[in-house]
Amino acid sequence: MARRKKEENLIVKPKLLITIVDRNKTEFYYDHIASLGSNMQFITHGEGTNNNQALNLMGLNKNKGVIFSIISEEKQSEILDSLERKFNEIKGGKGISIVVSLTSVIGVSLYQFMIDNRK
């Protein structure tokens, strides 16, 4: 029983972090998340639905970058806290991040790559 509990603690649970930012800040946040321990990321572009001219006057645009990152459950709090600080500190750097649990991954090699545990 003690051995099984010890083995369960060795399993690193991967999470999917989705970060949406202004398109011109996408590369910055991509690099920032990678520096905090994400080994697998990709970027796609999106467009917000708000068509308000007042947003354009304030410098807010509807062209967005969406970053999908695989992170470990252990680093989730650290990464989210760091992103929150960056969202508040950087001029024009507002954004939103959410985390989704990944419940199954097929293949040991893929799992080890995702959690950056390759040997």
N, C-alpha and C. Protein backbone atom coordinates (compact mmCIF):
# COMPACT_ATOMS: atom_id res chain seq x y z
N MET A 1 0.83 -1.20 0.00
CA MET A 1 0.00 0.00 0.00
C MET A 1 0.87 1.26 0.00
N ALA A 2 1.92 1.27 0.81
CA ALA A 2 2.79 2.45 0.86
C ALA A 2 3.50 2.64 -0.48
N ARG A 3 3.87 1.51 -1.13
CA ARG A 3 4.54 1.61 -2.43
C ARG A 3 3.62 2.24 -3.47
N ARG A 4 2.35 1.85 -3.47
CA ARG A 4 1.39 2.41 -4.44
C ARG A 4 1.24 3.90 -4.21
N LYS A 5 1.14 4.33 -2.96
CA LYS A 5 0.99 5.76 -2.68
C LYS A 5 2.23 6.52 -3.15
N LYS A 6 3.42 5.94 -2.96
CA LYS A 6 4.65 6.58 -3.40
C LYS A 6 4.67 6.72 -4.92
N GLU A 7 4.22 5.68 -5.66
CA GLU A 7 4.18 5.73 -7.12
C GLU A 7 3.21 6.79 -7.61
N GLU A 8 2.07 6.94 -6.94
CA GLU A 8 1.09 7.94 -7.35
C GLU A 8 1.65 9.35 -7.25
N ASN A 9 2.51 9.59 -6.26
CA ASN A 9 3.10 10.92 -6.09
C ASN A 9 4.10 11.25 -7.18
N LEU A 10 4.61 10.24 -7.90
CA LEU A 10 5.58 10.47 -8.96
C LEU A 10 4.93 10.91 -10.26
N ILE A 11 3.63 10.72 -10.40
CA ILE A 11 2.94 11.06 -11.63
C ILE A 11 2.72 12.57 -11.68
N VAL A 12 3.24 13.18 -12.72
CA VAL A 12 3.06 14.61 -12.94
C VAL A 12 1.87 14.78 -13.87
N LYS A 13 0.88 15.52 -13.42
CA LYS A 13 -0.33 15.69 -14.21
C LYS A 13 -0.17 16.89 -15.15
N PRO A 14 -0.29 16.64 -16.46
CA PRO A 14 -0.20 17.76 -17.41
C PRO A 14 -1.51 18.54 -17.46
N LYS A 15 -1.40 19.82 -17.71
CA LYS A 15 -2.56 20.71 -17.83
C LYS A 15 -2.42 21.49 -19.14
N LEU A 16 -3.55 21.89 -19.69
CA LEU A 16 -3.57 22.73 -20.88
C LEU A 16 -3.85 24.15 -20.44
N LEU A 17 -2.90 25.05 -20.67
CA LEU A 17 -3.05 26.46 -20.36
C LEU A 17 -3.42 27.19 -21.65
N ILE A 18 -4.53 27.91 -21.62
CA ILE A 18 -4.97 28.69 -22.78
C ILE A 18 -4.86 30.16 -22.40
N THR A 19 -4.06 30.90 -23.15
CA THR A 19 -3.82 32.31 -22.87
C THR A 19 -4.23 33.13 -24.09
N ILE A 20 -5.08 34.14 -23.87
CA ILE A 20 -5.55 35.00 -24.95
C ILE A 20 -5.06 36.42 -24.68
N VAL A 21 -4.30 36.96 -25.63
CA VAL A 21 -3.72 38.30 -25.49
C VAL A 21 -3.86 39.04 -26.82
N ASP A 22 -3.56 40.35 -26.80
CA ASP A 22 -3.52 41.09 -28.05
C ASP A 22 -2.46 40.47 -28.96
N ARG A 23 -2.74 40.45 -30.23
CA ARG A 23 -1.88 39.77 -31.19
C ARG A 23 -0.44 40.28 -31.15
N ASN A 24 -0.25 41.57 -30.93
CA ASN A 24 1.12 42.12 -30.92
C ASN A 24 1.91 41.72 -29.68
N LYS A 25 1.28 41.13 -28.69
CA LYS A 25 1.97 40.68 -27.47
C LYS A 25 2.12 39.16 -27.42
N THR A 26 1.66 38.47 -28.47
CA THR A 26 1.64 37.01 -28.45
C THR A 26 3.03 36.40 -28.28
N GLU A 27 4.00 36.86 -29.05
CA GLU A 27 5.35 36.30 -28.97
C GLU A 27 5.97 36.53 -27.59
N PHE A 28 5.72 37.70 -27.00
CA PHE A 28 6.24 37.99 -25.67
C PHE A 28 5.72 36.97 -24.66
N TYR A 29 4.40 36.76 -24.65
CA TYR A 29 3.82 35.82 -23.68
C TYR A 29 4.21 34.37 -23.99
N TYR A 30 4.35 34.05 -25.25
CA TYR A 30 4.81 32.71 -25.65
C TYR A 30 6.18 32.44 -25.02
N ASP A 31 7.10 33.37 -25.19
CA ASP A 31 8.45 33.23 -24.63
C ASP A 31 8.42 33.21 -23.11
N HIS A 32 7.56 34.04 -22.51
CA HIS A 32 7.47 34.10 -21.05
C HIS A 32 6.99 32.76 -20.48
N ILE A 33 5.95 32.20 -21.07
CA ILE A 33 5.43 30.92 -20.59
C ILE A 33 6.46 29.81 -20.78
N ALA A 34 7.17 29.83 -21.89
CA ALA A 34 8.22 28.83 -22.14
C ALA A 34 9.32 28.93 -21.08
N SER A 35 9.67 30.15 -20.69
CA SER A 35 10.72 30.34 -19.69
C SER A 35 10.31 29.83 -18.31
N LEU A 36 9.01 29.69 -18.10
CA LEU A 36 8.51 29.20 -16.81
C LEU A 36 8.32 27.69 -16.78
N GLY A 37 8.59 27.02 -17.89
CA GLY A 37 8.58 25.56 -17.86
C GLY A 37 7.63 24.87 -18.80
N SER A 38 7.07 25.56 -19.76
CA SER A 38 6.23 24.88 -20.74
C SER A 38 7.11 24.34 -21.86
N ASN A 39 7.00 23.06 -22.13
CA ASN A 39 7.83 22.43 -23.14
C ASN A 39 7.12 22.33 -24.49
N MET A 40 5.81 22.47 -24.49
CA MET A 40 5.04 22.26 -25.71
C MET A 40 3.99 23.36 -25.83
N GLN A 41 4.09 24.18 -26.88
CA GLN A 41 3.17 25.30 -27.08
C GLN A 41 2.87 25.47 -28.56
N PHE A 42 1.73 26.07 -28.85
CA PHE A 42 1.49 26.56 -30.20
C PHE A 42 0.59 27.77 -30.14
N ILE A 43 0.68 28.58 -31.20
CA ILE A 43 -0.05 29.85 -31.28
C ILE A 43 -1.02 29.79 -32.44
N THR A 44 -2.18 30.36 -32.23
CA THR A 44 -3.12 30.58 -33.32
C THR A 44 -3.65 32.00 -33.17
N HIS A 45 -4.19 32.53 -34.22
CA HIS A 45 -4.72 33.89 -34.17
C HIS A 45 -6.23 33.85 -34.17
N GLY A 46 -6.82 34.82 -33.51
CA GLY A 46 -8.26 34.91 -33.43
C GLY A 46 -8.70 36.36 -33.56
N GLU A 47 -9.98 36.53 -33.56
CA GLU A 47 -10.54 37.87 -33.64
C GLU A 47 -11.68 37.96 -32.66
N GLY A 48 -11.63 38.98 -31.81
CA GLY A 48 -12.70 39.20 -30.85
C GLY A 48 -13.99 39.58 -31.54
N THR A 49 -15.08 39.51 -30.81
CA THR A 49 -16.39 39.77 -31.41
C THR A 49 -16.86 41.20 -31.24
N ASN A 50 -16.23 41.97 -30.36
CA ASN A 50 -16.68 43.33 -30.11
C ASN A 50 -16.31 44.23 -31.28
N ASN A 51 -17.28 44.96 -31.80
CA ASN A 51 -17.07 45.82 -32.96
C ASN A 51 -17.20 47.30 -32.58
N ASN A 52 -16.93 47.62 -31.33
CA ASN A 52 -17.14 48.95 -30.79
C ASN A 52 -16.00 49.89 -31.18
N GLN A 53 -16.33 51.03 -31.78
CA GLN A 53 -15.31 52.00 -32.17
C GLN A 53 -14.64 52.64 -30.96
N ALA A 54 -15.33 52.69 -29.83
CA ALA A 54 -14.73 53.25 -28.62
C ALA A 54 -13.52 52.43 -28.19
N LEU A 55 -13.56 51.12 -28.38
CA LEU A 55 -12.40 50.29 -28.05
C LEU A 55 -11.20 50.66 -28.91
N ASN A 56 -11.44 50.93 -30.18
CA ASN A 56 -10.34 51.33 -31.06
C ASN A 56 -9.74 52.66 -30.62
N LEU A 57 -10.56 53.59 -30.16
CA LEU A 57 -10.06 54.88 -29.70
C LEU A 57 -9.20 54.74 -28.44
N MET A 58 -9.52 53.74 -27.61
CA MET A 58 -8.75 53.51 -26.38
C MET A 58 -7.51 52.66 -26.63
N GLY A 59 -7.32 52.24 -27.86
CA GLY A 59 -6.15 51.43 -28.18
C GLY A 59 -6.35 49.95 -27.97
N LEU A 60 -7.57 49.54 -27.72
CA LEU A 60 -7.86 48.11 -27.56
C LEU A 60 -8.31 47.57 -28.91
N ASN A 61 -7.76 46.46 -29.32
CA ASN A 61 -8.15 45.92 -30.61
C ASN A 61 -8.79 44.55 -30.44
N LYS A 62 -9.36 44.09 -31.51
CA LYS A 62 -10.02 42.79 -31.45
C LYS A 62 -9.19 41.70 -32.11
N ASN A 63 -7.98 42.01 -32.53
CA ASN A 63 -7.07 41.00 -33.08
C ASN A 63 -6.33 40.34 -31.93
N LYS A 64 -6.57 39.06 -31.75
CA LYS A 64 -6.03 38.34 -30.60
C LYS A 64 -5.10 37.22 -31.01
N GLY A 65 -4.20 36.90 -30.12
CA GLY A 65 -3.36 35.72 -30.24
C GLY A 65 -3.78 34.75 -29.16
N VAL A 66 -3.87 33.48 -29.51
CA VAL A 66 -4.24 32.45 -28.55
C VAL A 66 -3.07 31.48 -28.44
N ILE A 67 -2.58 31.31 -27.21
CA ILE A 67 -1.44 30.44 -26.95
C ILE A 67 -1.94 29.22 -26.19
N PHE A 68 -1.69 28.05 -26.74
CA PHE A 68 -2.00 26.79 -26.07
C PHE A 68 -0.69 26.22 -25.55
N SER A 69 -0.61 25.99 -24.24
CA SER A 69 0.63 25.53 -23.62
C SER A 69 0.34 24.32 -22.74
N ILE A 70 1.24 23.35 -22.77
CA ILE A 70 1.16 22.22 -21.84
C ILE A 70 2.06 22.56 -20.66
N ILE A 71 1.48 22.54 -19.47
CA ILE A 71 2.23 22.83 -18.25
C ILE A 71 2.00 21.70 -17.26
N SER A 72 2.84 21.61 -16.26
CA SER A 72 2.64 20.61 -15.22
C SER A 72 1.78 21.20 -14.11
N GLU A 73 1.05 20.33 -13.45
CA GLU A 73 0.19 20.77 -12.35
C GLU A 73 1.01 21.46 -11.27
N GLU A 74 2.25 21.00 -11.08
CA GLU A 74 3.13 21.58 -10.06
C GLU A 74 3.44 23.05 -10.32
N LYS A 75 3.53 23.43 -11.60
CA LYS A 75 3.91 24.80 -11.96
C LYS A 75 2.72 25.69 -12.26
N GLN A 76 1.52 25.16 -12.17
CA GLN A 76 0.31 25.91 -12.54
C GLN A 76 0.19 27.21 -11.77
N SER A 77 0.29 27.18 -10.46
CA SER A 77 0.13 28.39 -9.65
C SER A 77 1.21 29.42 -9.97
N GLU A 78 2.45 28.96 -10.09
CA GLU A 78 3.55 29.87 -10.40
C GLU A 78 3.33 30.57 -11.74
N ILE A 79 2.93 29.81 -12.74
CA ILE A 79 2.73 30.38 -14.08
C ILE A 79 1.55 31.34 -14.09
N LEU A 80 0.44 30.97 -13.47
CA LEU A 80 -0.73 31.86 -13.45
C LEU A 80 -0.43 33.14 -12.68
N ASP A 81 0.28 33.04 -11.57
CA ASP A 81 0.66 34.24 -10.80
C ASP A 81 1.56 35.16 -11.63
N SER A 82 2.50 34.56 -12.33
CA SER A 82 3.42 35.35 -13.16
C SER A 82 2.66 36.04 -14.30
N LEU A 83 1.75 35.31 -14.94
CA LEU A 83 0.95 35.92 -16.01
C LEU A 83 0.09 37.06 -15.48
N GLU A 84 -0.49 36.88 -14.31
CA GLU A 84 -1.31 37.95 -13.72
C GLU A 84 -0.48 39.20 -13.49
N ARG A 85 0.75 39.02 -12.99
CA ARG A 85 1.63 40.17 -12.79
C ARG A 85 1.94 40.85 -14.12
N LYS A 86 2.26 40.06 -15.13
CA LYS A 86 2.57 40.63 -16.45
C LYS A 86 1.36 41.36 -17.05
N PHE A 87 0.17 40.80 -16.89
CA PHE A 87 -1.04 41.45 -17.40
C PHE A 87 -1.23 42.82 -16.77
N ASN A 88 -0.84 42.97 -15.50
CA ASN A 88 -1.01 44.24 -14.80
C ASN A 88 0.14 45.22 -15.01
N GLU A 89 1.35 44.71 -15.28
CA GLU A 89 2.53 45.56 -15.37
C GLU A 89 2.81 46.10 -16.76
N ILE A 90 2.50 45.33 -17.79
CA ILE A 90 2.90 45.68 -19.14
C ILE A 90 1.84 46.54 -19.81
N LYS A 91 2.28 47.65 -20.37
CA LYS A 91 1.37 48.55 -21.08
C LYS A 91 0.81 47.82 -22.31
N GLY A 92 -0.50 47.76 -22.41
CA GLY A 92 -1.15 47.06 -23.51
C GLY A 92 -1.00 45.55 -23.44
N GLY A 93 -0.67 45.05 -22.26
CA GLY A 93 -0.40 43.62 -22.11
C GLY A 93 -1.50 42.84 -21.43
N LYS A 94 -2.71 43.35 -21.46
CA LYS A 94 -3.83 42.66 -20.81
C LYS A 94 -4.10 41.33 -21.50
N GLY A 95 -4.67 40.40 -20.75
CA GLY A 95 -5.00 39.11 -21.32
C GLY A 95 -5.81 38.29 -20.34
N ILE A 96 -6.07 37.06 -20.73
CA ILE A 96 -6.81 36.13 -19.88
C ILE A 96 -6.19 34.75 -20.07
N SER A 97 -6.14 33.99 -18.98
CA SER A 97 -5.62 32.63 -19.03
C SER A 97 -6.56 31.70 -18.30
N ILE A 98 -6.71 30.50 -18.84
CA ILE A 98 -7.48 29.46 -18.16
C ILE A 98 -6.69 28.16 -18.24
N VAL A 99 -6.96 27.26 -17.31
CA VAL A 99 -6.29 25.97 -17.27
C VAL A 99 -7.34 24.87 -17.36
N VAL A 100 -7.06 23.88 -18.21
CA VAL A 100 -7.95 22.75 -18.40
C VAL A 100 -7.17 21.48 -18.07
N SER A 101 -7.78 20.58 -17.32
CA SER A 101 -7.13 19.32 -16.99
C SER A 101 -7.10 18.40 -18.20
N LEU A 102 -5.97 17.73 -18.40
CA LEU A 102 -5.87 16.69 -19.42
C LEU A 102 -6.02 15.35 -18.71
N THR A 103 -7.02 14.59 -19.08
CA THR A 103 -7.32 13.36 -18.33
C THR A 103 -6.68 12.12 -18.92
N SER A 104 -6.25 12.16 -20.17
CA SER A 104 -5.57 10.99 -20.72
C SER A 104 -4.60 11.41 -21.81
N VAL A 105 -3.45 10.75 -21.80
CA VAL A 105 -2.42 10.96 -22.81
C VAL A 105 -1.95 9.58 -23.23
N ILE A 106 -1.88 9.34 -24.53
CA ILE A 106 -1.47 8.03 -25.02
C ILE A 106 0.00 8.07 -25.40
N GLY A 107 0.76 7.15 -24.86
CA GLY A 107 2.17 7.01 -25.22
C GLY A 107 3.10 7.59 -24.18
N VAL A 108 4.03 6.77 -23.72
CA VAL A 108 4.98 7.19 -22.70
C VAL A 108 5.89 8.29 -23.21
N SER A 109 6.37 8.17 -24.45
CA SER A 109 7.29 9.17 -25.01
C SER A 109 6.62 10.54 -25.11
N LEU A 110 5.36 10.56 -25.58
CA LEU A 110 4.62 11.82 -25.67
C LEU A 110 4.41 12.42 -24.29
N TYR A 111 4.02 11.59 -23.33
CA TYR A 111 3.82 12.06 -21.97
C TYR A 111 5.11 12.66 -21.41
N GLN A 112 6.24 11.98 -21.58
CA GLN A 112 7.51 12.49 -21.06
C GLN A 112 7.91 13.78 -21.75
N PHE A 113 7.65 13.90 -23.05
CA PHE A 113 7.94 15.15 -23.76
C PHE A 113 7.08 16.28 -23.21
N MET A 114 5.79 16.01 -23.01
CA MET A 114 4.87 17.05 -22.54
C MET A 114 5.25 17.58 -21.18
N ILE A 115 5.73 16.70 -20.30
CA ILE A 115 6.09 17.16 -18.95
C ILE A 115 7.58 17.48 -18.83
N ASP A 116 8.28 17.50 -19.98
CA ASP A 116 9.69 17.83 -20.04
C ASP A 116 10.53 16.90 -19.16
N ASN A 117 10.29 15.58 -19.32
CA ASN A 117 10.99 14.58 -18.53
C ASN A 117 11.67 13.58 -19.45
N ARG A 118 12.28 14.08 -20.53
CA ARG A 118 12.95 13.20 -21.48
C ARG A 118 14.34 12.86 -20.98
N LYS A 119 14.74 11.61 -21.20
CA LYS A 119 16.08 11.18 -20.76
C LYS A 119 16.81 10.53 -21.90
